[in-house]
Every structure is written in C-alpha cells, then in structure tokens.
C-alpha cells in the first residue's frame, strides 16, 4: 500500500497510523498540511513532524520510495 503521510496526519497521527500499516507499506506519499484539510503543502509548510515521519519510514520492513 502507499502510506500517505498527509492523510495519516489528518485522520489520527502519523506514528499511530504507520505502526498499524507498517507491514503493508511499499511506497509513501509525502505532503504536509495543518491537520485541518488535505492541502498538499511542501514538507515543512504544515504541522507534520518530519523528523519523526522520516524516521518511521526508514523503519519500514522494506524502506519505501518517497513520492
């Protein structure tokens, strides 16, 4: 599955969503938002903790490409 970091941030939180889906992640969709709507901002322009998000992605069973 493609793990959408922006959508995870809106729906709950990135870490919680990633831990649930981690075994199934084969790619990632990278975009930021302010947790209020799906604005598809550049990383760093919203409120996602990008250090945490990238550390989580690096711990995937097979590190996934970031798109």
Protein backbone atom coordinates (compact mmCIF):
# COMPACT_ATOMS: atom_id res chain seq x y z
CA UNK A 1 0.00 0.00 0.00
CA UNK A 2 1.02 3.63 -0.40
CA UNK A 3 1.30 5.28 3.01
CA UNK A 4 0.01 8.84 2.69
CA UNK A 5 1.69 10.87 5.44
CA UNK A 6 -0.60 13.89 4.98
CA UNK A 7 -3.76 11.81 5.23
CA UNK A 8 -2.42 9.97 8.30
CA UNK A 9 -1.76 13.35 9.93
CA UNK A 10 -5.35 14.47 9.32
CA UNK A 11 -7.02 11.22 10.41
CA UNK A 12 -5.08 10.49 13.62
CA UNK A 13 -1.33 10.88 13.79
CA UNK A 14 1.49 9.73 11.56
CA UNK A 15 3.20 7.45 14.10
CA UNK A 16 0.00 5.64 15.11
CA UNK A 17 -1.13 5.10 11.53
CA UNK A 18 2.31 3.99 10.38
CA UNK A 19 2.65 1.38 13.15
CA UNK A 20 -0.68 -0.17 12.14
CA UNK A 21 0.11 -0.21 8.41
CA UNK A 22 3.90 -0.76 8.52
CA UNK A 23 3.86 -4.39 7.31
CA UNK A 24 1.98 -3.37 4.17
CA UNK A 25 3.80 -0.16 3.16
CA UNK A 26 5.59 -0.31 -0.20
CA UNK A 27 5.64 3.42 -1.07
CA UNK A 28 4.89 6.74 0.58
CA UNK A 29 3.05 9.89 -0.48
CA UNK A 30 4.86 12.88 1.00
CA UNK A 31 2.96 16.12 1.62
CA UNK A 32 2.25 18.39 4.56
CA UNK A 33 -0.86 20.06 5.97
CA UNK A 34 -2.05 21.86 9.11
CA UNK A 35 -4.12 18.82 10.21
CA UNK A 36 -7.30 20.58 9.16
CA UNK A 37 -7.63 19.77 5.43
CA UNK A 38 -5.78 17.98 2.64
CA UNK A 39 -3.83 20.97 1.35
CA UNK A 40 -0.82 19.09 -0.11
CA UNK A 41 1.76 21.57 1.14
CA UNK A 42 5.51 21.12 0.74
CA UNK A 43 7.11 19.34 3.73
CA UNK A 44 7.77 21.90 6.44
CA UNK A 45 4.93 24.22 5.44
CA UNK A 46 2.36 22.48 7.66
CA UNK A 47 2.47 20.90 11.10
CA UNK A 48 3.78 17.37 10.46
CA UNK A 49 6.84 16.41 12.50
CA UNK A 50 9.07 15.49 9.53
CA UNK A 51 11.97 14.12 11.58
CA UNK A 52 9.60 11.64 13.21
CA UNK A 53 7.85 10.84 9.91
CA UNK A 54 11.09 10.11 8.04
CA UNK A 55 12.47 8.06 10.95
CA UNK A 56 9.29 5.94 10.86
CA UNK A 57 9.52 5.41 7.10
CA UNK A 58 13.15 4.33 7.46
CA UNK A 59 11.97 1.59 9.86
CA UNK A 60 9.59 0.02 7.35
CA UNK A 61 10.35 -3.67 6.68
CA UNK A 62 11.45 -2.69 3.17
CA UNK A 63 12.25 1.03 3.05
CA UNK A 64 9.74 2.52 0.63
CA UNK A 65 10.33 5.16 -2.02
CA UNK A 66 9.13 8.63 -1.05
CA UNK A 67 6.88 10.17 -3.70
